[in-house]
Amino acid sequence: MLSLLNNSICVLISSKQHNHDSSALDFILAASNLTENITVIFLEEGNHQIHHFLKPLEGFDITKLFTDNKNHQCHFIKFLSKKEILNHVTHCEHLFCF
């Protein structure tokens, strides 16, 4: 079993999932029981998922939320350049992509 306790994880959401497929959200919420150090980055088509994720993530106190979309209007999510995203991915201990 993968131990995430006290480890940093980064979850990349890069696909536009159907509303009935919540595997990424389920994974993030389950991982929040094992660590508080979770970063979620919405990329490309994954930006369509932001509004589906906001309330549950906020309810579980997951606040490291980022996007590669400069035009996103949500103040809870910060913009990161491609270089900054690469830096996050490079320095995280566990990386999961959806």
PDB file of N, CA and C in Angstrom:
ATOM      1  N   MET A   1       0.846  -1.195   0.000  1.00  0.00           N
ATOM      2  CA  MET A   1       0.000   0.000   0.000  1.00  0.00           C
ATOM      3  C   MET A   1       0.881   1.245   0.000  1.00  0.00           C
ATOM      4  N   LEU A   2       0.504   2.216  -0.789  1.00  0.00           N
ATOM      5  CA  LEU A   2       1.236   3.467  -0.879  1.00  0.00           C
ATOM      6  C   LEU A   2       1.002   4.280   0.382  1.00  0.00           C
ATOM      7  N   SER A   3       2.072   4.662   1.033  1.00  0.00           N
ATOM      8  CA  SER A   3       1.951   5.471   2.240  1.00  0.00           C
ATOM      9  C   SER A   3       2.109   6.936   1.865  1.00  0.00           C
ATOM     10  N   LEU A   4       1.098   7.729   2.133  1.00  0.00           N
ATOM     11  CA  LEU A   4       1.138   9.157   1.827  1.00  0.00           C
ATOM     12  C   LEU A   4       1.316  10.015   3.076  1.00  0.00           C
ATOM     13  N   LEU A   5       1.342   9.398   4.233  1.00  0.00           N
ATOM     14  CA  LEU A   5       1.425  10.130   5.481  1.00  0.00           C
ATOM     15  C   LEU A   5       2.634  11.064   5.478  1.00  0.00           C
ATOM     16  N   ASN A   6       2.407  12.337   5.721  1.00  0.00           N
ATOM     17  CA  ASN A   6       3.431  13.372   5.777  1.00  0.00           C
ATOM     18  C   ASN A   6       4.156  13.586   4.454  1.00  0.00           C
ATOM     19  N   ASN A   7       3.630  13.088   3.366  1.00  0.00           N
ATOM     20  CA  ASN A   7       4.235  13.268   2.058  1.00  0.00           C
ATOM     21  C   ASN A   7       3.429  14.252   1.236  1.00  0.00           C
ATOM     22  N   SER A   8       4.095  14.868   0.274  1.00  0.00           N
ATOM     23  CA  SER A   8       3.382  15.784  -0.603  1.00  0.00           C
ATOM     24  C   SER A   8       2.912  15.032  -1.840  1.00  0.00           C
ATOM     25  N   ILE A   9       1.683  15.308  -2.233  1.00  0.00           N
ATOM     26  CA  ILE A   9       1.176  14.722  -3.466  1.00  0.00           C
ATOM     27  C   ILE A   9       0.655  15.843  -4.357  1.00  0.00           C
ATOM     28  N   CYS A  10       0.760  15.598  -5.632  1.00  0.00           N
ATOM     29  CA  CYS A  10       0.256  16.535  -6.630  1.00  0.00           C
ATOM     30  C   CYS A  10      -0.686  15.759  -7.526  1.00  0.00           C
ATOM     31  N   VAL A  11      -1.874  16.308  -7.722  1.00  0.00           N
ATOM     32  CA  VAL A  11      -2.868  15.677  -8.577  1.00  0.00           C
ATOM     33  C   VAL A  11      -3.103  16.597  -9.771  1.00  0.00           C
ATOM     34  N   LEU A  12      -2.850  16.064 -10.964  1.00  0.00           N
ATOM     35  CA  LEU A  12      -3.097  16.809 -12.184  1.00  0.00           C
ATOM     36  C   LEU A  12      -4.428  16.371 -12.776  1.00  0.00           C
ATOM     37  N   ILE A  13      -5.303  17.319 -12.993  1.00  0.00           N
ATOM     38  CA  ILE A  13      -6.596  17.055 -13.618  1.00  0.00           C
ATOM     39  C   ILE A  13      -6.497  17.631 -15.027  1.00  0.00           C
ATOM     40  N   SER A  14      -6.358  16.761 -16.024  1.00  0.00           N
ATOM     41  CA  SER A  14      -6.132  17.260 -17.380  1.00  0.00           C
ATOM     42  C   SER A  14      -7.164  16.762 -18.397  1.00  0.00           C
ATOM     43  N   SER A  15      -8.136  15.992 -17.944  1.00  0.00           N
ATOM     44  CA  SER A  15      -9.146  15.529 -18.889  1.00  0.00           C
ATOM     45  C   SER A  15     -10.529  16.020 -18.469  1.00  0.00           C
ATOM     46  N   LYS A  16     -11.364  16.202 -19.457  1.00  0.00           N
ATOM     47  CA  LYS A  16     -12.747  16.610 -19.198  1.00  0.00           C
ATOM     48  C   LYS A  16     -13.558  15.350 -18.971  1.00  0.00           C
ATOM     49  N   GLN A  17     -13.816  15.044 -17.697  1.00  0.00           N
ATOM     50  CA  GLN A  17     -14.535  13.827 -17.350  1.00  0.00           C
ATOM     51  C   GLN A  17     -16.030  14.069 -17.428  1.00  0.00           C
ATOM     52  N   HIS A  18     -16.771  12.984 -17.555  1.00  0.00           N
ATOM     53  CA  HIS A  18     -18.224  13.082 -17.514  1.00  0.00           C
ATOM     54  C   HIS A  18     -18.663  13.277 -16.071  1.00  0.00           C
ATOM     55  N   ASN A  19     -19.785  13.884 -15.856  1.00  0.00           N
ATOM     56  CA  ASN A  19     -20.277  14.171 -14.505  1.00  0.00           C
ATOM     57  C   ASN A  19     -20.382  12.932 -13.632  1.00  0.00           C
ATOM     58  N   HIS A  20     -20.680  11.777 -14.209  1.00  0.00           N
ATOM     59  CA  HIS A  20     -20.839  10.568 -13.402  1.00  0.00           C
ATOM     60  C   HIS A  20     -19.497   9.938 -13.020  1.00  0.00           C
ATOM     61  N   ASP A  21     -18.398  10.402 -13.624  1.00  0.00           N
ATOM     62  CA  ASP A  21     -17.083   9.844 -13.330  1.00  0.00           C
ATOM     63  C   ASP A  21     -16.360  10.774 -12.368  1.00  0.00           C
ATOM     64  N   SER A  22     -16.363  10.432 -11.116  1.00  0.00           N
ATOM     65  CA  SER A  22     -15.740  11.295 -10.108  1.00  0.00           C
ATOM     66  C   SER A  22     -14.517  10.634  -9.479  1.00  0.00           C
ATOM     67  N   SER A  23     -13.819   9.801 -10.233  1.00  0.00           N
ATOM     68  CA  SER A  23     -12.680   9.067  -9.677  1.00  0.00           C
ATOM     69  C   SER A  23     -11.584  10.004  -9.169  1.00  0.00           C
ATOM     70  N   ALA A  24     -11.303  11.090  -9.870  1.00  0.00           N
ATOM     71  CA  ALA A  24     -10.273  12.024  -9.425  1.00  0.00           C
ATOM     72  C   ALA A  24     -10.672  12.674  -8.106  1.00  0.00           C
ATOM     73  N   LEU A  25     -11.898  13.143  -8.027  1.00  0.00           N
ATOM     74  CA  LEU A  25     -12.378  13.771  -6.799  1.00  0.00           C
ATOM     75  C   LEU A  25     -12.400  12.769  -5.647  1.00  0.00           C
ATOM     76  N   ASP A  26     -12.874  11.575  -5.907  1.00  0.00           N
ATOM     77  CA  ASP A  26     -12.887  10.531  -4.871  1.00  0.00           C
ATOM     78  C   ASP A  26     -11.480  10.246  -4.372  1.00  0.00           C
ATOM     79  N   PHE A  27     -10.532  10.169  -5.303  1.00  0.00           N
ATOM     80  CA  PHE A  27      -9.145   9.910  -4.920  1.00  0.00           C
ATOM     81  C   PHE A  27      -8.598  11.029  -4.033  1.00  0.00           C
ATOM     82  N   ILE A  28      -8.820  12.276  -4.431  1.00  0.00           N
ATOM     83  CA  ILE A  28      -8.300  13.417  -3.660  1.00  0.00           C
ATOM     84  C   ILE A  28      -8.883  13.437  -2.257  1.00  0.00           C
ATOM     85  N   LEU A  29     -10.187  13.222  -2.139  1.00  0.00           N
ATOM     86  CA  LEU A  29     -10.828  13.246  -0.828  1.00  0.00           C
ATOM     87  C   LEU A  29     -10.334  12.090   0.040  1.00  0.00           C
ATOM     88  N   ALA A  30     -10.112  10.926  -0.543  1.00  0.00           N
ATOM     89  CA  ALA A  30      -9.570   9.795   0.214  1.00  0.00           C
ATOM     90  C   ALA A  30      -8.134  10.079   0.645  1.00  0.00           C
ATOM     91  N   ALA A  31      -7.339  10.650  -0.233  1.00  0.00           N
ATOM     92  CA  ALA A  31      -5.951  10.975   0.098  1.00  0.00           C
ATOM     93  C   ALA A  31      -5.863  12.019   1.199  1.00  0.00           C
ATOM     94  N   SER A  32      -6.872  12.871   1.305  1.00  0.00           N
ATOM     95  CA  SER A  32      -6.856  13.904   2.348  1.00  0.00           C
ATOM     96  C   SER A  32      -6.951  13.302   3.745  1.00  0.00           C
ATOM     97  N   ASN A  33      -7.360  12.046   3.838  1.00  0.00           N
ATOM     98  CA  ASN A  33      -7.355  11.362   5.126  1.00  0.00           C
ATOM     99  C   ASN A  33      -5.954  10.916   5.519  1.00  0.00           C
ATOM    100  N   LEU A  34      -5.031  10.891   4.561  1.00  0.00           N
ATOM    101  CA  LEU A  34      -3.678  10.413   4.812  1.00  0.00           C
ATOM    102  C   LEU A  34      -2.636  11.521   4.887  1.00  0.00           C
ATOM    103  N   THR A  35      -2.899  12.635   4.237  1.00  0.00           N
ATOM    104  CA  THR A  35      -1.952  13.748   4.245  1.00  0.00           C
ATOM    105  C   THR A  35      -2.700  15.061   4.067  1.00  0.00           C
ATOM    106  N   GLU A  36      -2.113  16.125   4.586  1.00  0.00           N
ATOM    107  CA  GLU A  36      -2.676  17.461   4.402  1.00  0.00           C
ATOM    108  C   GLU A  36      -1.967  18.206   3.278  1.00  0.00           C
ATOM    109  N   ASN A  37      -0.909  17.631   2.759  1.00  0.00           N
ATOM    110  CA  ASN A  37      -0.083  18.299   1.767  1.00  0.00           C
ATOM    111  C   ASN A  37      -0.470  17.861   0.352  1.00  0.00           C
ATOM    112  N   ILE A  38      -1.617  18.355  -0.109  1.00  0.00           N
ATOM    113  CA  ILE A  38      -2.146  17.999  -1.422  1.00  0.00           C
ATOM    114  C   ILE A  38      -2.238  19.250  -2.289  1.00  0.00           C
ATOM    115  N   THR A  39      -1.683  19.144  -3.483  1.00  0.00           N
ATOM    116  CA  THR A  39      -1.791  20.197  -4.489  1.00  0.00           C
ATOM    117  C   THR A  39      -2.602  19.653  -5.645  1.00  0.00           C
ATOM    118  N   VAL A  40      -3.586  20.433  -6.106  1.00  0.00           N
ATOM    119  CA  VAL A  40      -4.401  20.038  -7.255  1.00  0.00           C
ATOM    120  C   VAL A  40      -4.194  21.080  -8.347  1.00  0.00           C
ATOM    121  N   ILE A  41      -3.805  20.593  -9.536  1.00  0.00           N
ATOM    122  CA  ILE A  41      -3.565  21.486 -10.665  1.00  0.00           C
ATOM    123  C   ILE A  41      -4.491  21.091 -11.817  1.00  0.00           C
ATOM    124  N   PHE A  42      -5.287  22.049 -12.264  1.00  0.00           N
ATOM    125  CA  PHE A  42      -6.201  21.841 -13.383  1.00  0.00           C
ATOM    126  C   PHE A  42      -5.515  22.305 -14.663  1.00  0.00           C
ATOM    127  N   LEU A  43      -5.385  21.393 -15.628  1.00  0.00           N
ATOM    128  CA  LEU A  43      -4.697  21.679 -16.881  1.00  0.00           C
ATOM    129  C   LEU A  43      -5.627  21.474 -18.065  1.00  0.00           C
ATOM    130  N   GLU A  44      -5.471  22.294 -19.058  1.00  0.00           N
ATOM    131  CA  GLU A  44      -6.141  22.153 -20.348  1.00  0.00           C
ATOM    132  C   GLU A  44      -7.619  21.804 -20.181  1.00  0.00           C
ATOM    133  N   GLU A  45      -8.053  20.645 -20.670  1.00  0.00           N
ATOM    134  CA  GLU A  45      -9.458  20.232 -20.587  1.00  0.00           C
ATOM    135  C   GLU A  45      -9.917  20.040 -19.138  1.00  0.00           C
ATOM    136  N   GLY A  46      -8.994  19.793 -18.243  1.00  0.00           N
ATOM    137  CA  GLY A  46      -9.341  19.621 -16.836  1.00  0.00           C
ATOM    138  C   GLY A  46      -9.918  20.870 -16.199  1.00  0.00           C
ATOM    139  N   ASN A  47      -9.686  22.021 -16.817  1.00  0.00           N
ATOM    140  CA  ASN A  47     -10.244  23.266 -16.295  1.00  0.00           C
ATOM    141  C   ASN A  47     -11.768  23.254 -16.291  1.00  0.00           C
ATOM    142  N   HIS A  48     -12.368  22.392 -17.122  1.00  0.00           N
ATOM    143  CA  HIS A  48     -13.827  22.267 -17.134  1.00  0.00           C
ATOM    144  C   HIS A  48     -14.348  21.612 -15.854  1.00  0.00           C
ATOM    145  N   GLN A  49     -13.471  21.013 -15.078  1.00  0.00           N
ATOM    146  CA  GLN A  49     -13.854  20.306 -13.849  1.00  0.00           C
ATOM    147  C   GLN A  49     -13.826  21.192 -12.603  1.00  0.00           C
ATOM    148  N   ILE A  50     -13.270  22.368 -12.712  1.00  0.00           N
ATOM    149  CA  ILE A  50     -13.036  23.207 -11.523  1.00  0.00           C
ATOM    150  C   ILE A  50     -14.289  23.387 -10.677  1.00  0.00           C
ATOM    151  N   HIS A  51     -15.397  23.784 -11.277  1.00  0.00           N
ATOM    152  CA  HIS A  51     -16.600  24.058 -10.483  1.00  0.00           C
ATOM    153  C   HIS A  51     -17.159  22.796  -9.825  1.00  0.00           C
ATOM    154  N   HIS A  52     -16.931  21.648 -10.438  1.00  0.00           N
ATOM    155  CA  HIS A  52     -17.356  20.365  -9.859  1.00  0.00           C
ATOM    156  C   HIS A  52     -16.522  20.021  -8.606  1.00  0.00           C
ATOM    157  N   PHE A  53     -15.281  20.485  -8.571  1.00  0.00           N
ATOM    158  CA  PHE A  53     -14.363  20.149  -7.480  1.00  0.00           C
ATOM    159  C   PHE A  53     -14.378  21.153  -6.326  1.00  0.00           C
ATOM    160  N   LEU A  54     -14.729  22.405  -6.571  1.00  0.00           N
ATOM    161  CA  LEU A  54     -14.525  23.472  -5.581  1.00  0.00           C
ATOM    162  C   LEU A  54     -15.143  23.214  -4.220  1.00  0.00           C
ATOM    163  N   LYS A  55     -16.429  22.975  -4.149  1.00  0.00           N
ATOM    164  CA  LYS A  55     -17.086  22.802  -2.839  1.00  0.00           C
ATOM    165  C   LYS A  55     -16.546  21.612  -2.065  1.00  0.00           C
ATOM    166  N   PRO A  56     -16.425  20.427  -2.684  1.00  0.00           N
ATOM    167  CA  PRO A  56     -15.878  19.297  -1.916  1.00  0.00           C
ATOM    168  C   PRO A  56     -14.451  19.546  -1.422  1.00  0.00           C
ATOM    169  N   LEU A  57     -13.607  20.135  -2.261  1.00  0.00           N
ATOM    170  CA  LEU A  57     -12.226  20.387  -1.843  1.00  0.00           C
ATOM    171  C   LEU A  57     -12.166  21.411  -0.725  1.00  0.00           C
ATOM    172  N   GLU A  58     -12.975  22.427  -0.835  1.00  0.00           N
ATOM    173  CA  GLU A  58     -13.039  23.450   0.203  1.00  0.00           C
ATOM    174  C   GLU A  58     -13.533  22.840   1.522  1.00  0.00           C
ATOM    175  N   GLY A  59     -14.499  21.951   1.439  1.00  0.00           N
ATOM    176  CA  GLY A  59     -15.028  21.289   2.626  1.00  0.00           C
ATOM    177  C   GLY A  59     -14.011  20.397   3.325  1.00  0.00           C
ATOM    178  N   PHE A  60     -13.044  19.882   2.568  1.00  0.00           N
ATOM    179  CA  PHE A  60     -11.990  19.051   3.138  1.00  0.00           C
ATOM    180  C   PHE A  60     -10.720  19.855   3.380  1.00  0.00           C
ATOM    181  N   ASP A  61     -10.815  21.172   3.292  1.00  0.00           N
ATOM    182  CA  ASP A  61      -9.721  22.098   3.557  1.00  0.00           C
ATOM    183  C   ASP A  61      -8.512  21.860   2.640  1.00  0.00           C
ATOM    184  N   ILE A  62      -8.787  21.538   1.391  1.00  0.00           N
ATOM    185  CA  ILE A  62      -7.736  21.411   0.389  1.00  0.00           C
ATOM    186  C   ILE A  62      -7.700  22.736  -0.361  1.00  0.00           C
ATOM    187  N   THR A  63      -6.650  23.503  -0.133  1.00  0.00           N
ATOM    188  CA  THR A  63      -6.622  24.873  -0.622  1.00  0.00           C
ATOM    189  C   THR A  63      -5.507  25.167  -1.621  1.00  0.00           C
ATOM    190  N   LYS A  64      -4.625  24.222  -1.878  1.00  0.00           N
ATOM    191  CA  LYS A  64      -3.569  24.434  -2.870  1.00  0.00           C
ATOM    192  C   LYS A  64      -4.119  24.047  -4.235  1.00  0.00           C
ATOM    193  N   LEU A  65      -4.842  24.989  -4.834  1.00  0.00           N
ATOM    194  CA  LEU A  65      -5.520  24.763  -6.108  1.00  0.00           C
ATOM    195  C   LEU A  65      -4.959  25.715  -7.150  1.00  0.00           C
ATOM    196  N   PHE A  66      -4.591  25.158  -8.309  1.00  0.00           N
ATOM    197  CA  PHE A  66      -3.964  25.955  -9.351  1.00  0.00           C
ATOM    198  C   PHE A  66      -4.546  25.607 -10.722  1.00  0.00           C
ATOM    199  N   THR A  67      -4.360  26.522 -11.675  1.00  0.00           N
ATOM    200  CA  THR A  67      -4.807  26.315 -13.045  1.00  0.00           C
ATOM    201  C   THR A  67      -3.771  26.877 -14.011  1.00  0.00           C
ATOM    202  N   ASP A  68      -3.783  26.366 -15.229  1.00  0.00           N
ATOM    203  CA  ASP A  68      -2.939  26.919 -16.286  1.00  0.00           C
ATOM    204  C   ASP A  68      -3.726  27.892 -17.152  1.00  0.00           C
ATOM    205  N   ASN A  69      -4.950  28.217 -16.747  1.00  0.00           N
ATOM    206  CA  ASN A  69      -5.840  29.096 -17.509  1.00  0.00           C
ATOM    207  C   ASN A  69      -5.798  30.505 -16.919  1.00  0.00           C
ATOM    208  N   LYS A  70      -5.149  31.431 -17.600  1.00  0.00           N
ATOM    209  CA  LYS A  70      -5.043  32.820 -17.121  1.00  0.00           C
ATOM    210  C   LYS A  70      -6.391  33.506 -16.991  1.00  0.00           C
ATOM    211  N   ASN A  71      -7.361  33.050 -17.752  1.00  0.00           N
ATOM    212  CA  ASN A  71      -8.659  33.713 -17.793  1.00  0.00           C
ATOM    213  C   ASN A  71      -9.655  33.179 -16.766  1.00  0.00           C
ATOM    214  N   HIS A  72      -9.218  32.275 -15.925  1.00  0.00           N
ATOM    215  CA  HIS A  72     -10.152  31.704 -14.943  1.00  0.00           C
ATOM    216  C   HIS A  72     -10.529  32.769 -13.923  1.00  0.00           C
ATOM    217  N   GLN A  73     -11.799  32.838 -13.572  1.00  0.00           N
ATOM    218  CA  GLN A  73     -12.341  33.912 -12.738  1.00  0.00           C
ATOM    219  C   GLN A  73     -12.471  33.570 -11.257  1.00  0.00           C
ATOM    220  N   CYS A  74     -12.096  32.380 -10.827  1.00  0.00           N
ATOM    221  CA  CYS A  74     -12.277  31.974  -9.436  1.00  0.00           C
ATOM    222  C   CYS A  74     -11.101  32.434  -8.586  1.00  0.00           C
ATOM    223  N   HIS A  75     -11.388  33.142  -7.500  1.00  0.00           N
ATOM    224  CA  HIS A  75     -10.303  33.656  -6.660  1.00  0.00           C
ATOM    225  C   HIS A  75      -9.702  32.591  -5.745  1.00  0.00           C
ATOM    226  N   PHE A  76     -10.299  31.406  -5.664  1.00  0.00           N
ATOM    227  CA  PHE A  76      -9.749  30.319  -4.854  1.00  0.00           C
ATOM    228  C   PHE A  76      -8.601  29.612  -5.563  1.00  0.00           C
ATOM    229  N   ILE A  77      -8.542  29.769  -6.875  1.00  0.00           N
ATOM    230  CA  ILE A  77      -7.569  29.042  -7.679  1.00  0.00           C
ATOM    231  C   ILE A  77      -6.586  30.039  -8.281  1.00  0.00           C
ATOM    232  N   LYS A  78      -5.305  29.751  -8.092  1.00  0.00           N
ATOM    233  CA  LYS A  78      -4.268  30.648  -8.585  1.00  0.00           C
ATOM    234  C   LYS A  78      -3.721  30.151  -9.915  1.00  0.00           C
ATOM    235  N   PHE A  79      -3.344  31.099 -10.767  1.00  0.00           N
ATOM    236  CA  PHE A  79      -2.745  30.771 -12.050  1.00  0.00           C
ATOM    237  C   PHE A  79      -1.288  30.390 -11.860  1.00  0.00           C
ATOM    238  N   LEU A  80      -0.847  29.349 -12.573  1.00  0.00           N
ATOM    239  CA  LEU A  80       0.563  28.980 -12.634  1.00  0.00           C
ATOM    240  C   LEU A  80       0.984  28.892 -14.095  1.00  0.00           C
ATOM    241  N   SER A  81       2.178  29.377 -14.376  1.00  0.00           N
ATOM    242  CA  SER A  81       2.730  29.223 -15.722  1.00  0.00           C
ATOM    243  C   SER A  81       3.163  27.770 -15.909  1.00  0.00           C
ATOM    244  N   LYS A  82       3.429  27.398 -17.144  1.00  0.00           N
ATOM    245  CA  LYS A  82       3.892  26.028 -17.431  1.00  0.00           C
ATOM    246  C   LYS A  82       5.180  25.720 -16.653  1.00  0.00           C
ATOM    247  N   LYS A  83       6.053  26.688 -16.529  1.00  0.00           N
ATOM    248  CA  LYS A  83       7.311  26.508 -15.792  1.00  0.00           C
ATOM    249  C   LYS A  83       7.039  26.261 -14.304  1.00  0.00           C
ATOM    250  N   GLU A  84       6.103  27.014 -13.727  1.00  0.00           N
ATOM    251  CA  GLU A  84       5.751  26.827 -12.314  1.00  0.00           C
ATOM    252  C   GLU A  84       5.081  25.476 -12.081  1.00  0.00           C
ATOM    253  N   ILE A  85       4.270  25.039 -13.039  1.00  0.00           N
ATOM    254  CA  ILE A  85       3.630  23.731 -12.925  1.00  0.00           C
ATOM    255  C   ILE A  85       4.695  22.642 -12.955  1.00  0.00           C
ATOM    256  N   LEU A  86       5.639  22.761 -13.867  1.00  0.00           N
ATOM    257  CA  LEU A  86       6.727  21.789 -13.947  1.00  0.00           C
ATOM    258  C   LEU A  86       7.507  21.749 -12.641  1.00  0.00           C
ATOM    259  N   ASN A  87       7.712  22.888 -12.023  1.00  0.00           N
ATOM    260  CA  ASN A  87       8.417  22.949 -10.736  1.00  0.00           C
ATOM    261  C   ASN A  87       7.642  22.198  -9.657  1.00  0.00           C
ATOM    262  N   HIS A  88       6.330  22.393  -9.595  1.00  0.00           N
ATOM    263  CA  HIS A  88       5.491  21.667  -8.630  1.00  0.00           C
ATOM    264  C   HIS A  88       5.594  20.161  -8.843  1.00  0.00           C
ATOM    265  N   VAL A  89       5.466  19.753 -10.082  1.00  0.00           N
ATOM    266  CA  VAL A  89       5.481  18.333 -10.418  1.00  0.00           C
ATOM    267  C   VAL A  89       6.845  17.721 -10.085  1.00  0.00           C
ATOM    268  N   THR A  90       7.892  18.450 -10.361  1.00  0.00           N
ATOM    269  CA  THR A  90       9.245  17.964 -10.106  1.00  0.00           C
ATOM    270  C   THR A  90       9.519  17.771  -8.620  1.00  0.00           C
ATOM    271  N   HIS A  91       8.943  18.622  -7.783  1.00  0.00           N
ATOM    272  CA  HIS A  91       9.250  18.587  -6.354  1.00  0.00           C
ATOM    273  C   HIS A  91       8.246  17.831  -5.490  1.00  0.00           C
ATOM    274  N   CYS A  92       7.202  17.306  -6.071  1.00  0.00           N
ATOM    275  CA  CYS A  92       6.249  16.554  -5.264  1.00  0.00           C
ATOM    276  C   CYS A  92       6.758  15.120  -5.091  1.00  0.00           C
ATOM    277  N   GLU A  93       6.350  14.499  -4.026  1.00  0.00           N
ATOM    278  CA  GLU A  93       6.784  13.126  -3.755  1.00  0.00           C
ATOM    279  C   GLU A  93       5.951  12.105  -4.492  1.00  0.00           C
ATOM    280  N   HIS A  94       4.679  12.400  -4.708  1.00  0.00           N
ATOM    281  CA  HIS A  94       3.770  11.477  -5.409  1.00  0.00           C
ATOM    282  C   HIS A  94       2.960  12.290  -6.414  1.00  0.00           C
ATOM    283  N   LEU A  95       2.876  11.794  -7.643  1.00  0.00           N
ATOM    284  CA  LEU A  95       2.158  12.472  -8.702  1.00  0.00           C
ATOM    285  C   LEU A  95       1.066  11.549  -9.233  1.00  0.00           C
ATOM    286  N   PHE A  96      -0.152  12.074  -9.335  1.00  0.00           N
ATOM    287  CA  PHE A  96      -1.284  11.320  -9.852  1.00  0.00           C
ATOM    288  C   PHE A  96      -1.954  12.147 -10.937  1.00  0.00           C
ATOM    289  N   CYS A  97      -2.269  11.513 -12.046  1.00  0.00           N
ATOM    290  CA  CYS A  97      -2.857  12.209 -13.190  1.00  0.00           C
ATOM    291  C   CYS A  97      -4.221  11.626 -13.520  1.00  0.00           C
ATOM    292  N   PHE A  98      -5.165  12.505 -13.753  1.00  0.00           N
ATOM    293  CA  PHE A  98      -6.518  12.111 -14.142  1.00  0.00           C
ATOM    294  C   PHE A  98      -6.936  12.877 -15.371  1.00  0.00           C
TER     295      PHE A  98
END
